[in-house]
C-alpha atoms as a PDB file:
ATOM      1  CA  MET A   1     -32.244  35.415   8.727  1.00  0.00           C
ATOM      2  CA  ALA A   2     -31.621  32.984   5.864  1.00  0.00           C
ATOM      3  CA  ILE A   3     -29.613  29.867   6.622  1.00  0.00           C
ATOM      4  CA  GLU A   4     -26.822  29.023   4.200  1.00  0.00           C
ATOM      5  CA  TYR A   5     -24.902  25.774   3.684  1.00  0.00           C
ATOM      6  CA  LYS A   6     -21.902  27.272   5.479  1.00  0.00           C
ATOM      7  CA  ASN A   7     -24.037  27.728   8.608  1.00  0.00           C
ATOM      8  CA  ALA A   8     -24.533  23.949   8.598  1.00  0.00           C
ATOM      9  CA  GLY A   9     -20.785  23.414   8.640  1.00  0.00           C
ATOM     10  CA  VAL A  10     -20.048  22.850   4.932  1.00  0.00           C
ATOM     11  CA  ASP A  11     -17.826  25.475   3.312  1.00  0.00           C
ATOM     12  CA  VAL A  12     -18.298  25.255  -0.461  1.00  0.00           C
ATOM     13  CA  GLU A  13     -15.705  27.955  -1.048  1.00  0.00           C
ATOM     14  CA  ALA A  14     -13.123  25.895   0.839  1.00  0.00           C
ATOM     15  CA  GLY A  15     -13.903  23.020  -1.501  1.00  0.00           C
ATOM     16  CA  TYR A  16     -13.183  25.223  -4.511  1.00  0.00           C
ATOM     17  CA  ALA A  17      -9.927  26.348  -2.904  1.00  0.00           C
ATOM     18  CA  SER A  18      -8.877  22.737  -2.276  1.00  0.00           C
ATOM     19  CA  VAL A  19      -9.369  21.847  -5.935  1.00  0.00           C
ATOM     20  CA  ALA A  20      -7.389  24.875  -7.055  1.00  0.00           C
ATOM     21  CA  LEU A  21      -4.479  23.966  -4.763  1.00  0.00           C
ATOM     22  CA  MET A  22      -4.364  20.283  -5.698  1.00  0.00           C
ATOM     23  CA  LYS A  23      -4.426  20.791  -9.480  1.00  0.00           C
ATOM     24  CA  GLN A  24      -0.662  21.271  -9.656  1.00  0.00           C
ATOM     25  CA  TYR A  25      -0.132  17.826  -8.109  1.00  0.00           C
ATOM     26  CA  VAL A  26      -2.812  15.998 -10.069  1.00  0.00           C
ATOM     27  CA  LYS A  27      -1.613  17.266 -13.445  1.00  0.00           C
ATOM     28  CA  LYS A  28       1.795  15.617 -13.065  1.00  0.00           C
ATOM     29  CA  THR A  29       0.113  12.181 -13.062  1.00  0.00           C
ATOM     30  CA  PHE A  30      -1.573  12.721 -16.444  1.00  0.00           C
ATOM     31  CA  GLY A  31      -0.406  10.944 -19.586  1.00  0.00           C
ATOM     32  CA  PRO A  32      -1.669  10.821 -23.174  1.00  0.00           C
ATOM     33  CA  ASN A  33      -4.471   8.369 -22.273  1.00  0.00           C
ATOM     34  CA  VAL A  34      -6.169  10.785 -19.875  1.00  0.00           C
ATOM     35  CA  VAL A  35      -9.119  12.264 -21.774  1.00  0.00           C
ATOM     36  CA  THR A  36     -10.709  14.384 -19.072  1.00  0.00           C
ATOM     37  CA  ASP A  37      -9.568  17.294 -16.926  1.00  0.00           C
ATOM     38  CA  LEU A  38      -9.906  17.656 -13.162  1.00  0.00           C
ATOM     39  CA  GLY A  39     -13.366  18.705 -12.050  1.00  0.00           C
ATOM     40  CA  GLY A  40     -15.617  16.729 -14.385  1.00  0.00           C
ATOM     41  CA  PHE A  41     -18.403  14.400 -13.274  1.00  0.00           C
ATOM     42  CA  GLY A  42     -16.428  11.355 -14.361  1.00  0.00           C
ATOM     43  CA  GLY A  43     -12.822  10.539 -15.130  1.00  0.00           C
ATOM     44  CA  LEU A  44     -12.178   9.431 -18.704  1.00  0.00           C
ATOM     45  CA  PHE A  45      -9.271   7.180 -19.644  1.00  0.00           C
ATOM     46  CA  SER A  46      -8.569   5.880 -23.152  1.00  0.00           C
ATOM     47  CA  LEU A  47      -7.303   2.359 -23.868  1.00  0.00           C
ATOM     48  CA  ALA A  48      -5.965   3.455 -27.262  1.00  0.00           C
ATOM     49  CA  GLY A  49      -2.634   1.859 -28.046  1.00  0.00           C
ATOM     50  CA  ASN A  50      -3.434  -1.277 -26.067  1.00  0.00           C
ATOM     51  CA  LYS A  51      -2.226  -4.304 -28.062  1.00  0.00           C
ATOM     52  CA  MET A  52      -3.351  -7.080 -25.729  1.00  0.00           C
ATOM     53  CA  GLU A  53      -5.071 -10.114 -27.244  1.00  0.00           C
ATOM     54  CA  ASP A  54      -7.651 -10.463 -24.479  1.00  0.00           C
ATOM     55  CA  PRO A  55      -7.426  -7.508 -22.069  1.00  0.00           C
ATOM     56  CA  ILE A  56      -8.881  -7.912 -18.598  1.00  0.00           C
ATOM     57  CA  LEU A  57      -9.406  -5.069 -16.144  1.00  0.00           C
ATOM     58  CA  VAL A  58      -8.074  -5.523 -12.612  1.00  0.00           C
ATOM     59  CA  SER A  59      -9.345  -3.403  -9.726  1.00  0.00           C
ATOM     60  CA  GLY A  60      -8.430  -2.850  -6.114  1.00  0.00           C
ATOM     61  CA  THR A  61      -9.673  -0.603  -3.327  1.00  0.00           C
ATOM     62  CA  ASP A  62      -8.371   0.070   0.166  1.00  0.00           C
ATOM     63  CA  GLY A  63      -7.675   2.723   2.755  1.00  0.00           C
ATOM     64  CA  VAL A  64      -4.950   3.699   5.205  1.00  0.00           C
ATOM     65  CA  GLY A  65      -6.657   2.632   8.420  1.00  0.00           C
ATOM     66  CA  THR A  66      -5.759   4.063  11.812  1.00  0.00           C
ATOM     67  CA  LYS A  67      -2.270   4.995  10.665  1.00  0.00           C
ATOM     68  CA  LEU A  68      -4.047   8.305  10.121  1.00  0.00           C
ATOM     69  CA  LYS A  69      -4.079   8.811  13.898  1.00  0.00           C
ATOM     70  CA  VAL A  70      -0.286   9.120  13.772  1.00  0.00           C
ATOM     71  CA  ALA A  71      -0.583  11.681  10.970  1.00  0.00           C
ATOM     72  CA  PHE A  72      -3.002  13.687  13.120  1.00  0.00           C
ATOM     73  CA  LEU A  73      -0.641  13.627  16.099  1.00  0.00           C
ATOM     74  CA  MET A  74       2.323  14.603  13.931  1.00  0.00           C
ATOM     75  CA  ASP A  75       0.287  17.126  11.954  1.00  0.00           C
ATOM     76  CA  LYS A  76       1.933  15.696   8.828  1.00  0.00           C
ATOM     77  CA  HIS A  77      -0.370  14.850   5.943  1.00  0.00           C
ATOM     78  CA  ASP A  78       1.709  14.650   2.765  1.00  0.00           C
ATOM     79  CA  THR A  79       2.563  10.931   2.901  1.00  0.00           C
ATOM     80  CA  VAL A  80      -0.665   9.117   3.808  1.00  0.00           C
ATOM     81  CA  GLY A  81      -1.847   9.585   0.220  1.00  0.00           C
ATOM     82  CA  ILE A  82       1.099   7.449  -0.890  1.00  0.00           C
ATOM     83  CA  ASP A  83      -0.138   4.766   1.499  1.00  0.00           C
ATOM     84  CA  ALA A  84      -3.624   4.893  -0.025  1.00  0.00           C
ATOM     85  CA  VAL A  85      -2.218   4.364  -3.512  1.00  0.00           C
ATOM     86  CA  ALA A  86       0.225   1.668  -2.415  1.00  0.00           C
ATOM     87  CA  MET A  87      -2.408  -0.430  -0.685  1.00  0.00           C
ATOM     88  CA  CYS A  88      -4.407  -0.575  -3.932  1.00  0.00           C
ATOM     89  CA  VAL A  89      -1.776  -0.846  -6.668  1.00  0.00           C
ATOM     90  CA  ASN A  90       0.279  -3.450  -4.808  1.00  0.00           C
ATOM     91  CA  ASP A  91      -2.840  -5.633  -4.832  1.00  0.00           C
ATOM     92  CA  VAL A  92      -3.414  -5.047  -8.558  1.00  0.00           C
ATOM     93  CA  ILE A  93       0.066  -6.270  -9.508  1.00  0.00           C
ATOM     94  CA  CYS A  94      -0.483  -9.514  -7.568  1.00  0.00           C
ATOM     95  CA  CYS A  95      -2.787 -10.576 -10.414  1.00  0.00           C
ATOM     96  CA  GLY A  96      -0.308  -9.505 -13.076  1.00  0.00           C
ATOM     97  CA  GLY A  97      -2.071  -6.211 -13.699  1.00  0.00           C
ATOM     98  CA  SER A  98      -0.451  -2.937 -14.665  1.00  0.00           C
ATOM     99  CA  PRO A  99      -2.151   0.031 -12.951  1.00  0.00           C
ATOM    100  CA  LEU A 100      -3.798   2.529 -15.289  1.00  0.00           C
ATOM    101  CA  PHE A 101      -5.633   5.078 -13.172  1.00  0.00           C
ATOM    102  CA  PHE A 102      -6.578   5.905  -9.603  1.00  0.00           C
ATOM    103  CA  LEU A 103      -9.387   7.712  -7.784  1.00  0.00           C
ATOM    104  CA  ASP A 104      -9.358   8.931  -4.196  1.00  0.00           C
ATOM    105  CA  TYR A 105     -12.015   9.716  -1.600  1.00  0.00           C
ATOM    106  CA  ILE A 106     -11.331  12.009   1.340  1.00  0.00           C
ATOM    107  CA  ALA A 107     -13.899  12.545   4.098  1.00  0.00           C
ATOM    108  CA  CYS A 108     -13.150  15.298   6.595  1.00  0.00           C
ATOM    109  CA  GLY A 109     -14.791  17.010   9.530  1.00  0.00           C
ATOM    110  CA  LYS A 110     -13.832  20.400   8.133  1.00  0.00           C
ATOM    111  CA  ASN A 111     -12.251  21.277   4.805  1.00  0.00           C
ATOM    112  CA  TYR A 112      -8.942  23.006   5.380  1.00  0.00           C
ATOM    113  CA  PRO A 113      -7.774  23.569   1.776  1.00  0.00           C
ATOM    114  CA  GLU A 114      -4.049  23.439   2.491  1.00  0.00           C
ATOM    115  CA  LYS A 115      -4.411  20.179   4.438  1.00  0.00           C
ATOM    116  CA  ILE A 116      -6.525  18.567   1.714  1.00  0.00           C
ATOM    117  CA  ALA A 117      -4.044  19.685  -0.950  1.00  0.00           C
ATOM    118  CA  SER A 118      -1.214  18.178   1.112  1.00  0.00           C
ATOM    119  CA  ILE A 119      -3.037  14.838   1.285  1.00  0.00           C
ATOM    120  CA  VAL A 120      -3.652  14.878  -2.469  1.00  0.00           C
ATOM    121  CA  LYS A 121       0.016  15.697  -3.074  1.00  0.00           C
ATOM    122  CA  GLY A 122       0.807  12.361  -1.455  1.00  0.00           C
ATOM    123  CA  VAL A 123      -1.774  10.615  -3.627  1.00  0.00           C
ATOM    124  CA  ALA A 124      -0.209  12.171  -6.728  1.00  0.00           C
ATOM    125  CA  ASP A 125       3.272  11.114  -5.587  1.00  0.00           C
ATOM    126  CA  GLY A 126       2.019   7.547  -5.211  1.00  0.00           C
ATOM    127  CA  CYS A 127       0.414   7.673  -8.636  1.00  0.00           C
ATOM    128  CA  VAL A 128       3.677   8.803 -10.227  1.00  0.00           C
ATOM    129  CA  GLN A 129       5.488   5.926  -8.495  1.00  0.00           C
ATOM    130  CA  SER A 130       2.946   3.419  -9.842  1.00  0.00           C
ATOM    131  CA  HIS A 131       2.429   4.730 -13.395  1.00  0.00           C
ATOM    132  CA  SER A 132      -1.152   5.666 -12.485  1.00  0.00           C
ATOM    133  CA  ALA A 133      -3.143   8.686 -13.627  1.00  0.00           C
ATOM    134  CA  LEU A 134      -5.121  10.421 -10.880  1.00  0.00           C
ATOM    135  CA  ILE A 135      -8.238  11.062 -12.959  1.00  0.00           C
ATOM    136  CA  GLY A 136     -10.783  11.821 -10.269  1.00  0.00           C
ATOM    137  CA  GLY A 137     -11.712  11.964  -6.633  1.00  0.00           C
ATOM    138  CA  GLU A 138     -14.035  13.378  -4.023  1.00  0.00           C
ATOM    139  CA  THR A 139     -13.578  15.485  -0.919  1.00  0.00           C
ATOM    140  CA  ALA A 140     -16.581  15.273   1.390  1.00  0.00           C
ATOM    141  CA  GLU A 141     -17.065  17.550   4.375  1.00  0.00           C
ATOM    142  CA  HIS A 142     -18.889  15.808   7.235  1.00  0.00           C
ATOM    143  CA  PRO A 143     -19.648  18.351   9.990  1.00  0.00           C
ATOM    144  CA  GLY A 144     -21.099  16.772  13.111  1.00  0.00           C
ATOM    145  CA  LEU A 145     -20.070  13.305  11.957  1.00  0.00           C
ATOM    146  CA  MET A 146     -16.275  13.660  12.186  1.00  0.00           C
ATOM    147  CA  PRO A 147     -14.095  15.890  14.388  1.00  0.00           C
ATOM    148  CA  GLU A 148     -13.063  19.042  12.528  1.00  0.00           C
ATOM    149  CA  ASP A 149      -9.347  18.223  12.539  1.00  0.00           C
ATOM    150  CA  GLU A 150      -9.697  14.607  11.370  1.00  0.00           C
ATOM    151  CA  TYR A 151     -10.216  12.899   8.017  1.00  0.00           C
ATOM    152  CA  ASP A 152     -10.289   9.503   6.347  1.00  0.00           C
ATOM    153  CA  ILE A 153      -8.915   8.550   2.942  1.00  0.00           C
ATOM    154  CA  ALA A 154      -9.560   5.614   0.648  1.00  0.00           C
ATOM    155  CA  GLY A 155      -8.621   4.849  -2.929  1.00  0.00           C
ATOM    156  CA  PHE A 156      -9.550   2.812  -5.963  1.00  0.00           C
ATOM    157  CA  SER A 157      -7.149   1.519  -8.618  1.00  0.00           C
ATOM    158  CA  VAL A 158      -7.882   0.065 -12.050  1.00  0.00           C
ATOM    159  CA  GLY A 159      -5.261  -1.844 -14.010  1.00  0.00           C
ATOM    160  CA  ILE A 160      -5.115  -4.104 -17.043  1.00  0.00           C
ATOM    161  CA  VAL A 161      -3.640  -7.506 -17.880  1.00  0.00           C
ATOM    162  CA  ASP A 162      -3.749  -9.781 -20.914  1.00  0.00           C
ATOM    163  CA  ARG A 163      -5.601 -12.984 -20.033  1.00  0.00           C
ATOM    164  CA  LYS A 164      -2.561 -15.093 -20.951  1.00  0.00           C
ATOM    165  CA  ASP A 165      -0.460 -13.100 -18.458  1.00  0.00           C
ATOM    166  CA  VAL A 166      -2.777 -13.372 -15.434  1.00  0.00           C
ATOM    167  CA  ILE A 167      -0.896 -14.523 -12.324  1.00  0.00           C
ATOM    168  CA  ASP A 168      -3.031 -16.950 -10.316  1.00  0.00           C
ATOM    169  CA  GLY A 169      -0.528 -19.296  -8.659  1.00  0.00           C
ATOM    170  CA  SER A 170      -1.601 -22.282 -10.745  1.00  0.00           C
ATOM    171  CA  LYS A 171       1.945 -22.846 -12.052  1.00  0.00           C
ATOM    172  CA  VAL A 172       3.518 -22.969  -8.587  1.00  0.00           C
ATOM    173  CA  LYS A 173       5.147 -26.315  -7.724  1.00  0.00           C
ATOM    174  CA  ALA A 174       7.288 -27.841  -5.004  1.00  0.00           C
ATOM    175  CA  GLY A 175      10.884 -26.687  -5.287  1.00  0.00           C
ATOM    176  CA  ASP A 176      10.047 -23.205  -6.514  1.00  0.00           C
ATOM    177  CA  ALA A 177      11.793 -20.354  -4.714  1.00  0.00           C
ATOM    178  CA  ILE A 178      10.157 -17.630  -2.623  1.00  0.00           C
ATOM    179  CA  ILE A 179      11.647 -14.164  -3.067  1.00  0.00           C
ATOM    180  CA  GLY A 180      10.905 -11.365  -0.615  1.00  0.00           C
ATOM    181  CA  LEU A 181      10.962  -7.636  -1.297  1.00  0.00           C
ATOM    182  CA  ALA A 182      11.886  -5.478   1.678  1.00  0.00           C
ATOM    183  CA  SER A 183       9.187  -3.312   3.213  1.00  0.00           C
ATOM    184  CA  SER A 184       9.756   0.270   4.320  1.00  0.00           C
ATOM    185  CA  GLY A 185       8.501  -0.550   7.807  1.00  0.00           C
ATOM    186  CA  VAL A 186       5.058  -1.189   9.256  1.00  0.00           C
ATOM    187  CA  HIS A 187       3.350   0.005   6.045  1.00  0.00           C
ATOM    188  CA  SER A 188      -0.411   0.529   6.637  1.00  0.00           C
ATOM    189  CA  ASN A 189      -1.628  -2.400   8.697  1.00  0.00           C
ATOM    190  CA  GLY A 190      -1.852  -3.226  12.377  1.00  0.00           C
ATOM    191  CA  PHE A 191      -1.879   0.386  13.575  1.00  0.00           C
ATOM    192  CA  SER A 192      -4.642  -0.177  16.102  1.00  0.00           C
ATOM    193  CA  LEU A 193      -2.193  -2.497  17.862  1.00  0.00           C
ATOM    194  CA  VAL A 194       0.692  -0.059  17.282  1.00  0.00           C
ATOM    195  CA  ARG A 195      -1.300   2.661  19.022  1.00  0.00           C
ATOM    196  CA  LYS A 196      -2.016   0.359  21.942  1.00  0.00           C
ATOM    197  CA  ILE A 197       1.627  -0.729  22.279  1.00  0.00           C
ATOM    198  CA  PHE A 198       2.935   2.845  22.392  1.00  0.00           C
ATOM    199  CA  LYS A 199      -0.130   4.297  24.170  1.00  0.00           C
ATOM    200  CA  LEU A 200      -0.728   6.776  21.372  1.00  0.00           C
ATOM    201  CA  ASP A 201      -4.330   7.377  22.409  1.00  0.00           C
ATOM    202  CA  GLU A 202      -3.247   8.646  25.825  1.00  0.00           C
ATOM    203  CA  ASP A 203      -1.764  11.856  27.158  1.00  0.00           C
ATOM    204  CA  GLY A 204       1.891  12.220  26.257  1.00  0.00           C
ATOM    205  CA  ALA A 205       1.544  10.561  22.847  1.00  0.00           C
ATOM    206  CA  LYS A 206       3.209  13.442  21.024  1.00  0.00           C
ATOM    207  CA  GLU A 207       6.257  13.153  23.269  1.00  0.00           C
ATOM    208  CA  THR A 208       6.375   9.398  22.750  1.00  0.00           C
ATOM    209  CA  LEU A 209       6.481   9.933  18.985  1.00  0.00           C
ATOM    210  CA  LYS A 210       9.645  12.027  19.423  1.00  0.00           C
ATOM    211  CA  LYS A 211      11.583   9.157  21.038  1.00  0.00           C
ATOM    212  CA  ASP A 212      13.904   6.737  19.239  1.00  0.00           C
ATOM    213  CA  PHE A 213      13.903   4.227  22.125  1.00  0.00           C
ATOM    214  CA  GLY A 214      17.645   3.730  21.656  1.00  0.00           C
ATOM    215  CA  VAL A 215      17.165   1.379  18.678  1.00  0.00           C
ATOM    216  CA  LEU A 216      15.410   3.373  15.941  1.00  0.00           C
ATOM    217  CA  ASP A 217      17.344   5.457  13.412  1.00  0.00           C
ATOM    218  CA  ARG A 218      14.724   8.236  13.597  1.00  0.00           C
ATOM    219  CA  PRO A 219      12.004   9.353  16.015  1.00  0.00           C
ATOM    220  CA  LEU A 220       9.154   6.870  16.359  1.00  0.00           C
ATOM    221  CA  GLY A 221       6.642   9.157  14.639  1.00  0.00           C
ATOM    222  CA  GLU A 222       8.788   9.414  11.512  1.00  0.00           C
ATOM    223  CA  VAL A 223       9.344   5.657  11.446  1.00  0.00           C
ATOM    224  CA  LEU A 224       5.623   4.946  11.734  1.00  0.00           C
ATOM    225  CA  LEU A 225       4.677   7.483   9.046  1.00  0.00           C
ATOM    226  CA  THR A 226       7.135   6.084   6.496  1.00  0.00           C
ATOM    227  CA  PRO A 227       4.960   5.468   3.423  1.00  0.00           C
ATOM    228  CA  THR A 228       4.060   1.989   2.258  1.00  0.00           C
ATOM    229  CA  ARG A 229       6.495   0.900  -0.440  1.00  0.00           C
ATOM    230  CA  ILE A 230       5.107   0.721  -3.982  1.00  0.00           C
ATOM    231  CA  TYR A 231       6.452  -2.259  -5.938  1.00  0.00           C
ATOM    232  CA  VAL A 232       4.836  -1.643  -9.331  1.00  0.00           C
ATOM    233  CA  LYS A 233       7.841  -0.525 -11.355  1.00  0.00           C
ATOM    234  CA  ALA A 234      10.166  -3.205  -9.963  1.00  0.00           C
ATOM    235  CA  VAL A 235       7.713  -6.062 -10.518  1.00  0.00           C
ATOM    236  CA  GLU A 236       6.823  -4.888 -14.022  1.00  0.00           C
ATOM    237  CA  ALA A 237      10.524  -4.699 -14.934  1.00  0.00           C
ATOM    238  CA  LEU A 238      11.157  -8.157 -13.475  1.00  0.00           C
ATOM    239  CA  ARG A 239       8.308  -9.734 -15.425  1.00  0.00           C
ATOM    240  CA  GLN A 240       9.903  -8.630 -18.676  1.00  0.00           C
ATOM    241  CA  GLU A 241      12.787 -11.022 -17.948  1.00  0.00           C
ATOM    242  CA  VAL A 242      11.530 -13.703 -15.550  1.00  0.00           C
ATOM    243  CA  GLU A 243       8.328 -15.725 -15.243  1.00  0.00           C
ATOM    244  CA  VAL A 244       6.718 -14.819 -11.931  1.00  0.00           C
ATOM    245  CA  LYS A 245       4.370 -17.617 -10.897  1.00  0.00           C
ATOM    246  CA  ALA A 246       2.718 -16.046  -7.867  1.00  0.00           C
ATOM    247  CA  ILE A 247       2.723 -12.786  -5.911  1.00  0.00           C
ATOM    248  CA  SER A 248       1.492 -11.976  -2.413  1.00  0.00           C
ATOM    249  CA  HIS A 249       1.137  -8.480  -0.964  1.00  0.00           C
ATOM    250  CA  ILE A 250       1.917  -8.833   2.757  1.00  0.00           C
ATOM    251  CA  THR A 251      -0.714  -6.668   4.413  1.00  0.00           C
ATOM    252  CA  GLY A 252      -3.078  -7.184   7.364  1.00  0.00           C
ATOM    253  CA  GLY A 253      -2.816 -10.796   8.492  1.00  0.00           C
ATOM    254  CA  GLY A 254       0.933 -10.856   7.959  1.00  0.00           C
ATOM    255  CA  PHE A 255       2.610 -14.006   6.701  1.00  0.00           C
ATOM    256  CA  TYR A 256       0.004 -16.522   7.843  1.00  0.00           C
ATOM    257  CA  GLU A 257      -2.983 -15.030   6.047  1.00  0.00           C
ATOM    258  CA  ASN A 258      -1.433 -13.550   2.927  1.00  0.00           C
ATOM    259  CA  ILE A 259       1.108 -16.110   1.725  1.00  0.00           C
ATOM    260  CA  PRO A 260      -1.453 -18.949   1.310  1.00  0.00           C
ATOM    261  CA  ARG A 261      -3.535 -16.676  -0.946  1.00  0.00           C
ATOM    262  CA  MET A 262      -0.937 -17.089  -3.712  1.00  0.00           C
ATOM    263  CA  LEU A 263      -0.498 -20.869  -3.375  1.00  0.00           C
ATOM    264  CA  PRO A 264      -2.264 -23.800  -5.063  1.00  0.00           C
ATOM    265  CA  ASP A 265      -3.765 -26.683  -3.081  1.00  0.00           C
ATOM    266  CA  TYR A 266      -1.475 -29.237  -1.438  1.00  0.00           C
ATOM    267  CA  THR A 267       1.479 -26.879  -1.081  1.00  0.00           C
ATOM    268  CA  ASN A 268       3.109 -24.975   1.756  1.00  0.00           C
ATOM    269  CA  ALA A 269       5.479 -22.032   1.833  1.00  0.00           C
ATOM    270  CA  LYS A 270       8.549 -22.859   3.930  1.00  0.00           C
ATOM    271  CA  ILE A 271      10.118 -19.619   5.164  1.00  0.00           C
ATOM    272  CA  GLU A 272      13.637 -19.597   6.625  1.00  0.00           C
ATOM    273  CA  LYS A 273      14.009 -17.221   9.549  1.00  0.00           C
ATOM    274  CA  GLY A 274      17.130 -15.110   9.384  1.00  0.00           C
ATOM    275  CA  SER A 275      17.127 -14.936   5.599  1.00  0.00           C
ATOM    276  CA  TRP A 276      16.193 -11.254   5.603  1.00  0.00           C
ATOM    277  CA  LYS A 277      16.745  -8.151   7.699  1.00  0.00           C
ATOM    278  CA  ILE A 278      13.921  -7.350  10.139  1.00  0.00           C
ATOM    279  CA  PRO A 279      13.609  -3.575  10.761  1.00  0.00           C
ATOM    280  CA  ALA A 280      14.143  -2.476  14.366  1.00  0.00           C
ATOM    281  CA  ILE A 281      10.543  -1.294  14.793  1.00  0.00           C
ATOM    282  CA  PHE A 282       9.222  -4.860  14.860  1.00  0.00           C
ATOM    283  CA  PRO A 283      11.314  -6.345  17.713  1.00  0.00           C
ATOM    284  CA  LEU A 284      10.742  -3.068  19.581  1.00  0.00           C
ATOM    285  CA  MET A 285       6.969  -3.478  19.312  1.00  0.00           C
ATOM    286  CA  GLN A 286       7.194  -7.146  20.232  1.00  0.00           C
ATOM    287  CA  LYS A 287       9.204  -6.354  23.363  1.00  0.00           C
ATOM    288  CA  ILE A 288       7.154  -3.393  24.598  1.00  0.00           C
ATOM    289  CA  GLY A 289       3.835  -5.041  23.792  1.00  0.00           C
ATOM    290  CA  ASP A 290       4.880  -8.506  25.024  1.00  0.00           C
ATOM    291  CA  ILE A 291       3.562  -9.961  21.769  1.00  0.00           C
ATOM    292  CA  SER A 292       4.229 -13.568  20.788  1.00  0.00           C
ATOM    293  CA  GLU A 293       6.321 -14.319  17.715  1.00  0.00           C
ATOM    294  CA  HIS A 294       3.289 -15.913  16.064  1.00  0.00           C
ATOM    295  CA  GLY A 295       1.273 -12.807  16.833  1.00  0.00           C
ATOM    296  CA  MET A 296       3.843 -10.603  15.122  1.00  0.00           C
ATOM    297  CA  TYR A 297       3.972 -12.745  11.976  1.00  0.00           C
ATOM    298  CA  ASN A 298       0.193 -12.969  12.008  1.00  0.00           C
ATOM    299  CA  THR A 299      -0.223  -9.174  12.088  1.00  0.00           C
ATOM    300  CA  TYR A 300       2.758  -7.455  10.463  1.00  0.00           C
ATOM    301  CA  ASN A 301       4.909  -7.756   7.352  1.00  0.00           C
ATOM    302  CA  MET A 302       8.046  -8.151   9.518  1.00  0.00           C
ATOM    303  CA  GLY A 303      10.164  -6.379   6.927  1.00  0.00           C
ATOM    304  CA  ILE A 304       8.824  -8.104   3.804  1.00  0.00           C
ATOM    305  CA  GLY A 305       6.201  -6.157   1.884  1.00  0.00           C
ATOM    306  CA  MET A 306       5.763  -8.500  -1.056  1.00  0.00           C
ATOM    307  CA  MET A 307       6.651 -12.102  -1.930  1.00  0.00           C
ATOM    308  CA  LEU A 308       7.146 -13.655  -5.351  1.00  0.00           C
ATOM    309  CA  VAL A 309       7.448 -17.266  -6.470  1.00  0.00           C
ATOM    310  CA  VAL A 310       9.865 -18.122  -9.300  1.00  0.00           C
ATOM    311  CA  ASP A 311      11.689 -21.193 -10.597  1.00  0.00           C
ATOM    312  CA  LYS A 312      14.689 -21.972  -8.400  1.00  0.00           C
ATOM    313  CA  GLU A 313      16.921 -21.603 -11.472  1.00  0.00           C
ATOM    314  CA  ASN A 314      15.889 -17.941 -11.665  1.00  0.00           C
ATOM    315  CA  VAL A 315      16.712 -16.928  -8.089  1.00  0.00           C
ATOM    316  CA  ASP A 316      19.984 -15.102  -8.754  1.00  0.00           C
ATOM    317  CA  LYS A 317      18.621 -13.362 -11.835  1.00  0.00           C
ATOM    318  CA  THR A 318      15.457 -12.319  -9.996  1.00  0.00           C
ATOM    319  CA  ILE A 319      17.325 -10.833  -7.050  1.00  0.00           C
ATOM    320  CA  ARG A 320      19.726  -9.016  -9.379  1.00  0.00           C
ATOM    321  CA  LEU A 321      16.931  -7.506 -11.457  1.00  0.00           C
ATOM    322  CA  LEU A 322      14.994  -6.414  -8.380  1.00  0.00           C
ATOM    323  CA  LYS A 323      18.066  -4.751  -6.923  1.00  0.00           C
ATOM    324  CA  GLU A 324      18.682  -2.992 -10.241  1.00  0.00           C
ATOM    325  CA  ALA A 325      15.102  -1.707  -9.972  1.00  0.00           C
ATOM    326  CA  GLY A 326      15.859  -0.254  -6.541  1.00  0.00           C
ATOM    327  CA  GLU A 327      14.480  -2.972  -4.259  1.00  0.00           C
ATOM    328  CA  GLU A 328      16.153  -4.999  -1.538  1.00  0.00           C
ATOM    329  CA  ALA A 329      15.364  -8.639  -2.269  1.00  0.00           C
ATOM    330  CA  TYR A 330      16.053 -11.914  -0.486  1.00  0.00           C
ATOM    331  CA  GLN A 331      15.461 -15.619  -1.038  1.00  0.00           C
ATOM    332  CA  LEU A 332      13.182 -16.426   1.873  1.00  0.00           C
ATOM    333  CA  GLY A 333      12.562 -20.115   1.319  1.00  0.00           C
ATOM    334  CA  GLU A 334      10.818 -22.519  -1.009  1.00  0.00           C
ATOM    335  CA  ILE A 335       7.550 -24.188  -1.880  1.00  0.00           C
ATOM    336  CA  VAL A 336       7.091 -27.683  -0.442  1.00  0.00           C
ATOM    337  CA  SER A 337       4.463 -30.341  -0.979  1.00  0.00           C
ATOM    338  CA  SER A 338       1.749 -30.896   1.613  1.00  0.00           C
ATOM    339  CA  ASP A 339      -0.710 -33.717   2.298  1.00  0.00           C
ATOM    340  CA  GLN A 340      -3.266 -31.072   3.312  1.00  0.00           C
ATOM    341  CA  LYS A 341      -5.402 -29.500   0.588  1.00  0.00           C
ATOM    342  CA  THR A 342      -5.449 -26.031   2.170  1.00  0.00           C
ATOM    343  CA  PRO A 343      -2.150 -24.190   1.566  1.00  0.00           C
ATOM    344  CA  GLY A 344      -0.164 -23.211   4.615  1.00  0.00           C
ATOM    345  CA  VAL A 345       2.956 -21.466   5.895  1.00  0.00           C
ATOM    346  CA  ILE A 346       5.899 -22.860   7.815  1.00  0.00           C
ATOM    347  CA  VAL A 347       7.967 -20.162   9.509  1.00  0.00           C
END
């Protein structure tokens, strides 16, 4: 008896079905600069119409991490693709880049076409939110390497910025204001600790995800699966009116690792506690997990998904423009001088 690829655990026909189902979602991300169609060997994107003096490409790649474990438990797969896009494009805009196109990579134990299409729907939704064209991707079936009902997803974003508009923090000075943009929750970092706090790797995890613990506005599972907020449109609109000197995407490492990445030498970011609203999920995790305050700020975004530095004279205008763009924004503090070369954070 002849052995076929399907006998080894790879269903080529399922792959074809996945592509057919996802096409409707991918197409809505296309614009006039997309040259190729879905299914080619490479994604083609034209830079025609670009009027930059010295265009520079900006790239970013990331994944969703173990937040996927919550998606598996909830059997809900249409939002983690948004997370994959957000983690990449939010990094690209930190340099001043405008996202152009996105590619995704999905590895699965078994290709269930409807599940894969649901994941890609989320990717397409994230691309629409970030002005990105989804011009390519790959779905790889890994029988024997991954459990049949599990998958992993990663993404890759390419953007563009004129050299004169690159944001590198070099213009930041003492007295500048720090503006925070509200997060939608935990976003896509620190989920290994989340799972440990709520014992999501143990029996009874599905029931735990149905609880609101008396402080959440929805069941825990829904709160944790809330997609990472995408800040592209708001930041691009703001930069048309206000000079943004530095941007930090608050991801893994929380405040203490990410804020210094946007600062020049001999400066600190002084953050005023109480200047923004902390979502209920964070004090809940801190209490149940008996986590120190420093540990929380060193791991999670604590309700602030992105920080910007602007002149103090532009604070009111910045907050107004961000709110008009649909974001909750707060003045978190200011930049102060430091006698230490390495930038730091004072919370």
